[in-house]
C-alpha atoms as a PDB file:
ATOM      1  CA  UNK A   1      53.821  12.180  13.683  1.00  0.00           C
ATOM      2  CA  UNK A   2      51.231  14.246  12.056  1.00  0.00           C
ATOM      3  CA  UNK A   3      48.405  16.649  14.589  1.00  0.00           C
ATOM      4  CA  UNK A   4      45.133  18.300  12.701  1.00  0.00           C
ATOM      5  CA  UNK A   5      43.634  20.635  14.102  1.00  0.00           C
ATOM      6  CA  UNK A   6      40.462  21.404  12.335  1.00  0.00           C
ATOM      7  CA  UNK A   7      39.613  25.161  12.006  1.00  0.00           C
ATOM      8  CA  UNK A   8      36.093  26.794  11.184  1.00  0.00           C
ATOM      9  CA  UNK A   9      34.446  30.365  11.541  1.00  0.00           C
ATOM     10  CA  UNK A  10      33.630  31.594  15.356  1.00  0.00           C
ATOM     11  CA  UNK A  11      35.803  28.549  16.668  1.00  0.00           C
ATOM     12  CA  UNK A  12      37.410  29.265  20.119  1.00  0.00           C
ATOM     13  CA  UNK A  13      40.998  30.340  19.901  1.00  0.00           C
ATOM     14  CA  UNK A  14      41.651  28.639  23.090  1.00  0.00           C
ATOM     15  CA  UNK A  15      39.979  25.481  22.641  1.00  0.00           C
ATOM     16  CA  UNK A  16      43.076  25.428  19.911  1.00  0.00           C
ATOM     17  CA  UNK A  17      45.932  27.672  20.908  1.00  0.00           C
ATOM     18  CA  UNK A  18      45.905  25.576  24.041  1.00  0.00           C
ATOM     19  CA  UNK A  19      46.584  22.344  23.128  1.00  0.00           C
ATOM     20  CA  UNK A  20      48.743  23.236  19.995  1.00  0.00           C
ATOM     21  CA  UNK A  21      51.288  25.054  22.535  1.00  0.00           C
ATOM     22  CA  UNK A  22      51.256  22.048  24.094  1.00  0.00           C
ATOM     23  CA  UNK A  23      51.234  19.267  21.745  1.00  0.00           C
ATOM     24  CA  UNK A  24      53.459  21.522  18.920  1.00  0.00           C
ATOM     25  CA  UNK A  25      56.450  21.042  21.172  1.00  0.00           C
ATOM     26  CA  UNK A  26      57.204  17.798  20.931  1.00  0.00           C
ATOM     27  CA  UNK A  27      59.659  16.382  19.514  1.00  0.00           C
ATOM     28  CA  UNK A  28      59.407  14.381  15.707  1.00  0.00           C
ATOM     29  CA  UNK A  29      55.487  15.908  15.576  1.00  0.00           C
ATOM     30  CA  UNK A  30      53.902  18.115  12.958  1.00  0.00           C
ATOM     31  CA  UNK A  31      50.688  20.161  13.783  1.00  0.00           C
ATOM     32  CA  UNK A  32      48.699  21.497  10.780  1.00  0.00           C
ATOM     33  CA  UNK A  33      45.636  23.784  10.905  1.00  0.00           C
ATOM     34  CA  UNK A  34      43.267  22.289   8.353  1.00  0.00           C
ATOM     35  CA  UNK A  35      39.773  23.657   7.363  1.00  0.00           C
ATOM     36  CA  UNK A  36      37.322  23.327   3.974  1.00  0.00           C
ATOM     37  CA  UNK A  37      40.067  26.150   2.354  1.00  0.00           C
ATOM     38  CA  UNK A  38      43.313  27.148   3.439  1.00  0.00           C
ATOM     39  CA  UNK A  39      43.969  31.542   4.508  1.00  0.00           C
ATOM     40  CA  UNK A  40      42.132  33.106   7.550  1.00  0.00           C
ATOM     41  CA  UNK A  41      39.345  32.080   9.885  1.00  0.00           C
ATOM     42  CA  UNK A  42      38.107  34.489  12.492  1.00  0.00           C
ATOM     43  CA  UNK A  43      37.507  33.560  15.599  1.00  0.00           C
ATOM     44  CA  UNK A  44      34.476  33.982  18.120  1.00  0.00           C
ATOM     45  CA  UNK A  45      35.328  36.807  19.891  1.00  0.00           C
ATOM     46  CA  UNK A  46      35.780  38.974  16.309  1.00  0.00           C
ATOM     47  CA  UNK A  47      39.076  40.425  16.681  1.00  0.00           C
ATOM     48  CA  UNK A  48      41.671  37.453  16.225  1.00  0.00           C
ATOM     49  CA  UNK A  49      42.382  35.605  12.756  1.00  0.00           C
ATOM     50  CA  UNK A  50      43.977  32.016  12.753  1.00  0.00           C
ATOM     51  CA  UNK A  51      45.492  30.786   9.456  1.00  0.00           C
ATOM     52  CA  UNK A  52      44.715  27.383   8.113  1.00  0.00           C
ATOM     53  CA  UNK A  53      47.414  25.878   6.534  1.00  0.00           C
ATOM     54  CA  UNK A  54      46.062  23.022   3.993  1.00  0.00           C
ATOM     55  CA  UNK A  55      42.246  22.463   3.081  1.00  0.00           C
ATOM     56  CA  UNK A  56      41.099  19.520   4.202  1.00  0.00           C
ATOM     57  CA  UNK A  57      41.962  17.261   1.264  1.00  0.00           C
ATOM     58  CA  UNK A  58      45.515  17.849   1.820  1.00  0.00           C
ATOM     59  CA  UNK A  59      45.327  15.729   5.406  1.00  0.00           C
ATOM     60  CA  UNK A  60      44.603  12.707   4.893  1.00  0.00           C
ATOM     61  CA  UNK A  61      46.007  10.481   7.229  1.00  0.00           C
ATOM     62  CA  UNK A  62      46.894  12.649  10.511  1.00  0.00           C
ATOM     63  CA  UNK A  63      47.915  10.295  13.634  1.00  0.00           C
ATOM     64  CA  UNK A  64      45.690  12.854  15.644  1.00  0.00           C
ATOM     65  CA  UNK A  65      42.833  14.664  14.858  1.00  0.00           C
ATOM     66  CA  UNK A  66      42.003  17.585  17.349  1.00  0.00           C
ATOM     67  CA  UNK A  67      38.460  19.252  17.331  1.00  0.00           C
ATOM     68  CA  UNK A  68      37.908  23.006  18.937  1.00  0.00           C
ATOM     69  CA  UNK A  69      34.964  23.950  19.907  1.00  0.00           C
ATOM     70  CA  UNK A  70      32.919  27.050  20.118  1.00  0.00           C
ATOM     71  CA  UNK A  71      29.854  28.686  19.138  1.00  0.00           C
ATOM     72  CA  UNK A  72      30.905  28.038  15.551  1.00  0.00           C
ATOM     73  CA  UNK A  73      30.442  24.465  15.979  1.00  0.00           C
ATOM     74  CA  UNK A  74      26.743  24.323  15.429  1.00  0.00           C
ATOM     75  CA  UNK A  75      26.916  25.248  11.553  1.00  0.00           C
ATOM     76  CA  UNK A  76      29.575  22.410  10.968  1.00  0.00           C
ATOM     77  CA  UNK A  77      26.723  20.238  12.429  1.00  0.00           C
ATOM     78  CA  UNK A  78      25.302  20.496   9.137  1.00  0.00           C
ATOM     79  CA  UNK A  79      28.263  20.322   6.832  1.00  0.00           C
ATOM     80  CA  UNK A  80      28.585  17.044   5.385  1.00  0.00           C
ATOM     81  CA  UNK A  81      31.852  17.874   3.535  1.00  0.00           C
ATOM     82  CA  UNK A  82      33.603  18.698   7.066  1.00  0.00           C
ATOM     83  CA  UNK A  83      31.396  15.324   8.546  1.00  0.00           C
ATOM     84  CA  UNK A  84      32.305  12.993   5.757  1.00  0.00           C
ATOM     85  CA  UNK A  85      36.597  14.374   6.395  1.00  0.00           C
ATOM     86  CA  UNK A  86      36.477  13.450   9.811  1.00  0.00           C
ATOM     87  CA  UNK A  87      34.833  10.217   9.795  1.00  0.00           C
ATOM     88  CA  UNK A  88      37.371   9.620   7.164  1.00  0.00           C
ATOM     89  CA  UNK A  89      40.675  10.457   9.191  1.00  0.00           C
ATOM     90  CA  UNK A  90      39.171   8.994  12.043  1.00  0.00           C
ATOM     91  CA  UNK A  91      39.673   5.236  10.263  1.00  0.00           C
ATOM     92  CA  UNK A  92      43.904   5.787  10.923  1.00  0.00           C
ATOM     93  CA  UNK A  93      44.437   7.675  13.330  1.00  0.00           C
ATOM     94  CA  UNK A  94      45.850   6.708  16.732  1.00  0.00           C
ATOM     95  CA  UNK A  95      44.141   9.612  18.683  1.00  0.00           C
ATOM     96  CA  UNK A  96      40.723  11.322  18.427  1.00  0.00           C
ATOM     97  CA  UNK A  97      40.453  14.215  20.169  1.00  0.00           C
ATOM     98  CA  UNK A  98      38.330  17.204  20.817  1.00  0.00           C
ATOM     99  CA  UNK A  99      38.149  20.098  23.475  1.00  0.00           C
ATOM    100  CA  UNK A 100      34.892  22.237  24.699  1.00  0.00           C
ATOM    101  CA  UNK A 101      31.860  21.681  22.145  1.00  0.00           C
ATOM    102  CA  UNK A 102      34.059  19.847  19.474  1.00  0.00           C
ATOM    103  CA  UNK A 103      32.910  17.288  20.771  1.00  0.00           C
ATOM    104  CA  UNK A 104      29.648  17.475  19.589  1.00  0.00           C
ATOM    105  CA  UNK A 105      30.826  17.286  16.000  1.00  0.00           C
ATOM    106  CA  UNK A 106      32.523  14.014  16.874  1.00  0.00           C
ATOM    107  CA  UNK A 107      29.263  12.594  18.014  1.00  0.00           C
ATOM    108  CA  UNK A 108      27.540  14.073  14.833  1.00  0.00           C
ATOM    109  CA  UNK A 109      30.143  12.249  12.947  1.00  0.00           C
ATOM    110  CA  UNK A 110      28.449   9.336  14.550  1.00  0.00           C
ATOM    111  CA  UNK A 111      32.232   9.050  16.373  1.00  0.00           C
ATOM    112  CA  UNK A 112      30.721   8.967  19.697  1.00  0.00           C
ATOM    113  CA  UNK A 113      27.670   6.490  19.671  1.00  0.00           C
ATOM    114  CA  UNK A 114      27.184   4.725  22.935  1.00  0.00           C
ATOM    115  CA  UNK A 115      30.597   6.374  24.116  1.00  0.00           C
ATOM    116  CA  UNK A 116      31.421   8.197  27.581  1.00  0.00           C
ATOM    117  CA  UNK A 117      32.534  11.746  26.215  1.00  0.00           C
ATOM    118  CA  UNK A 118      32.490  15.459  27.918  1.00  0.00           C
ATOM    119  CA  UNK A 119      32.167  19.064  26.912  1.00  0.00           C
ATOM    120  CA  UNK A 120      31.191  22.312  27.905  1.00  0.00           C
ATOM    121  CA  UNK A 121      28.776  22.070  30.605  1.00  0.00           C
ATOM    122  CA  UNK A 122      25.985  24.298  28.254  1.00  0.00           C
ATOM    123  CA  UNK A 123      26.510  21.768  25.504  1.00  0.00           C
ATOM    124  CA  UNK A 124      26.111  18.039  27.573  1.00  0.00           C
ATOM    125  CA  UNK A 125      22.940  18.158  26.481  1.00  0.00           C
ATOM    126  CA  UNK A 126      23.089  18.385  22.914  1.00  0.00           C
ATOM    127  CA  UNK A 127      26.070  15.611  23.123  1.00  0.00           C
ATOM    128  CA  UNK A 128      22.924  13.354  24.907  1.00  0.00           C
ATOM    129  CA  UNK A 129      21.037  13.936  21.713  1.00  0.00           C
ATOM    130  CA  UNK A 130      23.515  12.783  19.823  1.00  0.00           C
ATOM    131  CA  UNK A 131      24.196   9.482  21.125  1.00  0.00           C
ATOM    132  CA  UNK A 132      26.887   9.516  23.553  1.00  0.00           C
ATOM    133  CA  UNK A 133      27.686   9.364  27.037  1.00  0.00           C
ATOM    134  CA  UNK A 134      27.912  12.940  28.861  1.00  0.00           C
ATOM    135  CA  UNK A 135      30.211  13.051  31.864  1.00  0.00           C
ATOM    136  CA  UNK A 136      29.970  16.253  33.253  1.00  0.00           C
ATOM    137  CA  UNK A 137      31.993  15.736  36.200  1.00  0.00           C
ATOM    138  CA  UNK A 138      35.257  14.941  34.494  1.00  0.00           C
ATOM    139  CA  UNK A 139      38.041  17.072  33.035  1.00  0.00           C
ATOM    140  CA  UNK A 140      38.823  15.041  30.571  1.00  0.00           C
ATOM    141  CA  UNK A 141      37.187  11.486  29.313  1.00  0.00           C
ATOM    142  CA  UNK A 142      38.983   8.650  27.747  1.00  0.00           C
ATOM    143  CA  UNK A 143      37.043   5.925  25.955  1.00  0.00           C
ATOM    144  CA  UNK A 144      39.425   3.871  23.746  1.00  0.00           C
ATOM    145  CA  UNK A 145      41.122   5.928  21.250  1.00  0.00           C
ATOM    146  CA  UNK A 146      38.825   9.107  21.728  1.00  0.00           C
ATOM    147  CA  UNK A 147      39.385  11.712  24.270  1.00  0.00           C
ATOM    148  CA  UNK A 148      37.086  14.426  24.880  1.00  0.00           C
ATOM    149  CA  UNK A 149      38.039  17.903  26.999  1.00  0.00           C
ATOM    150  CA  UNK A 150      35.604  19.885  28.969  1.00  0.00           C
ATOM    151  CA  UNK A 151      35.193  23.485  28.264  1.00  0.00           C
ATOM    152  CA  UNK A 152      37.930  25.516  27.251  1.00  0.00           C
ATOM    153  CA  UNK A 153      41.127  25.641  29.083  1.00  0.00           C
ATOM    154  CA  UNK A 154      39.872  21.791  29.757  1.00  0.00           C
ATOM    155  CA  UNK A 155      42.219  21.773  26.689  1.00  0.00           C
ATOM    156  CA  UNK A 156      45.776  22.115  28.063  1.00  0.00           C
ATOM    157  CA  UNK A 157      45.211  18.696  30.799  1.00  0.00           C
ATOM    158  CA  UNK A 158      43.851  17.019  27.740  1.00  0.00           C
ATOM    159  CA  UNK A 159      47.079  17.992  25.719  1.00  0.00           C
ATOM    160  CA  UNK A 160      49.634  16.894  28.665  1.00  0.00           C
ATOM    161  CA  UNK A 161      47.664  13.860  28.941  1.00  0.00           C
ATOM    162  CA  UNK A 162      47.934  13.250  25.443  1.00  0.00           C
ATOM    163  CA  UNK A 163      51.734  14.390  25.115  1.00  0.00           C
ATOM    164  CA  UNK A 164      52.034  12.035  28.043  1.00  0.00           C
ATOM    165  CA  UNK A 165      50.802   8.988  25.830  1.00  0.00           C
ATOM    166  CA  UNK A 166      53.025  10.533  22.084  1.00  0.00           C
ATOM    167  CA  UNK A 167      56.131  11.154  23.963  1.00  0.00           C
ATOM    168  CA  UNK A 168      56.415   9.965  28.037  1.00  0.00           C
ATOM    169  CA  UNK A 169      55.708  11.170  31.057  1.00  0.00           C
ATOM    170  CA  UNK A 170      58.903  12.911  31.603  1.00  0.00           C
ATOM    171  CA  UNK A 171      58.248  14.917  28.157  1.00  0.00           C
ATOM    172  CA  UNK A 172      54.799  16.077  29.155  1.00  0.00           C
ATOM    173  CA  UNK A 173      55.957  16.999  32.691  1.00  0.00           C
ATOM    174  CA  UNK A 174      58.938  19.328  30.754  1.00  0.00           C
ATOM    175  CA  UNK A 175      56.206  20.964  28.628  1.00  0.00           C
ATOM    176  CA  UNK A 176      54.446  21.859  31.463  1.00  0.00           C
ATOM    177  CA  UNK A 177      57.399  23.210  32.749  1.00  0.00           C
ATOM    178  CA  UNK A 178      58.244  25.288  30.470  1.00  0.00           C
ATOM    179  CA  UNK A 179      54.967  26.949  29.822  1.00  0.00           C
ATOM    180  CA  UNK A 180      54.544  27.177  34.071  1.00  0.00           C
ATOM    181  CA  UNK A 181      51.020  25.877  33.581  1.00  0.00           C
ATOM    182  CA  UNK A 182      50.271  25.524  37.077  1.00  0.00           C
ATOM    183  CA  UNK A 183      46.631  26.911  38.018  1.00  0.00           C
ATOM    184  CA  UNK A 184      46.052  28.810  40.465  1.00  0.00           C
ATOM    185  CA  UNK A 185      42.718  31.260  39.295  1.00  0.00           C
ATOM    186  CA  UNK A 186      41.714  33.797  42.014  1.00  0.00           C
ATOM    187  CA  UNK A 187      38.303  32.399  41.764  1.00  0.00           C
ATOM    188  CA  UNK A 188      36.643  28.823  42.420  1.00  0.00           C
ATOM    189  CA  UNK A 189      33.765  29.498  39.210  1.00  0.00           C
ATOM    190  CA  UNK A 190      35.355  27.448  36.774  1.00  0.00           C
ATOM    191  CA  UNK A 191      33.053  24.723  36.968  1.00  0.00           C
ATOM    192  CA  UNK A 192      29.327  24.141  37.705  1.00  0.00           C
ATOM    193  CA  UNK A 193      29.754  22.476  40.823  1.00  0.00           C
ATOM    194  CA  UNK A 194      31.959  25.862  42.544  1.00  0.00           C
ATOM    195  CA  UNK A 195      30.374  28.712  40.688  1.00  0.00           C
ATOM    196  CA  UNK A 196      28.117  30.773  42.286  1.00  0.00           C
ATOM    197  CA  UNK A 197      24.192  29.716  42.821  1.00  0.00           C
ATOM    198  CA  UNK A 198      22.363  31.492  39.604  1.00  0.00           C
ATOM    199  CA  UNK A 199      25.529  32.253  37.620  1.00  0.00           C
ATOM    200  CA  UNK A 200      25.235  29.645  34.816  1.00  0.00           C
ATOM    201  CA  UNK A 201      21.441  31.118  34.535  1.00  0.00           C
ATOM    202  CA  UNK A 202      22.841  34.104  33.950  1.00  0.00           C
ATOM    203  CA  UNK A 203      25.646  33.548  31.220  1.00  0.00           C
ATOM    204  CA  UNK A 204      22.661  31.384  29.347  1.00  0.00           C
ATOM    205  CA  UNK A 205      19.792  34.245  29.922  1.00  0.00           C
ATOM    206  CA  UNK A 206      22.901  36.284  27.992  1.00  0.00           C
ATOM    207  CA  UNK A 207      23.855  34.416  25.547  1.00  0.00           C
ATOM    208  CA  UNK A 208      27.560  33.931  26.979  1.00  0.00           C
ATOM    209  CA  UNK A 209      27.849  30.488  26.819  1.00  0.00           C
ATOM    210  CA  UNK A 210      28.443  27.675  24.219  1.00  0.00           C
ATOM    211  CA  UNK A 211      24.744  27.234  23.468  1.00  0.00           C
ATOM    212  CA  UNK A 212      22.945  23.436  23.771  1.00  0.00           C
ATOM    213  CA  UNK A 213      22.440  23.130  20.219  1.00  0.00           C
ATOM    214  CA  UNK A 214      18.988  22.167  20.362  1.00  0.00           C
END
């Protein structure tokens, strides 16, 4: 089974690396990082580079497509080569997935029209404008073969669910234990529902969240 993770400049690293750490441990799975060109891709914080294994033209029939998000998503929404590739591989995928604002790219490709989907909380309005039915209160949202995750860290949850579908619950549990993924954060600011009043507005005002992509 081949899992293709789409890379592009200014993506959020954990959107791609979190699912990679889960899915790359499954038996019989090949994870390939792909983009328009092979070579280095700089992530959004500027100090980390990821490497593209193969260009899009060499990745034509992955079993799973995973699209991460990040500030760089905006530029990808207008890239017809990327959108055409997403539509093309989606025809034969078993699962098409996204993390964070990566769902905007799926929606821009026409894959989420009328479907329930989620994204980073700051990108939900953009998801609606692209024809999807945004869900803001769920960590991950399945709709047919489409599985979208909320912001950044939700990609780990989504990947574990996908791992269970691919390799069975026992294997997914084993991967979770290997990673010791047992979140117990010291704060309750991880969602709009629990964050302190005014914190989301402060992040927006300072440009520290995924843009709504107006």
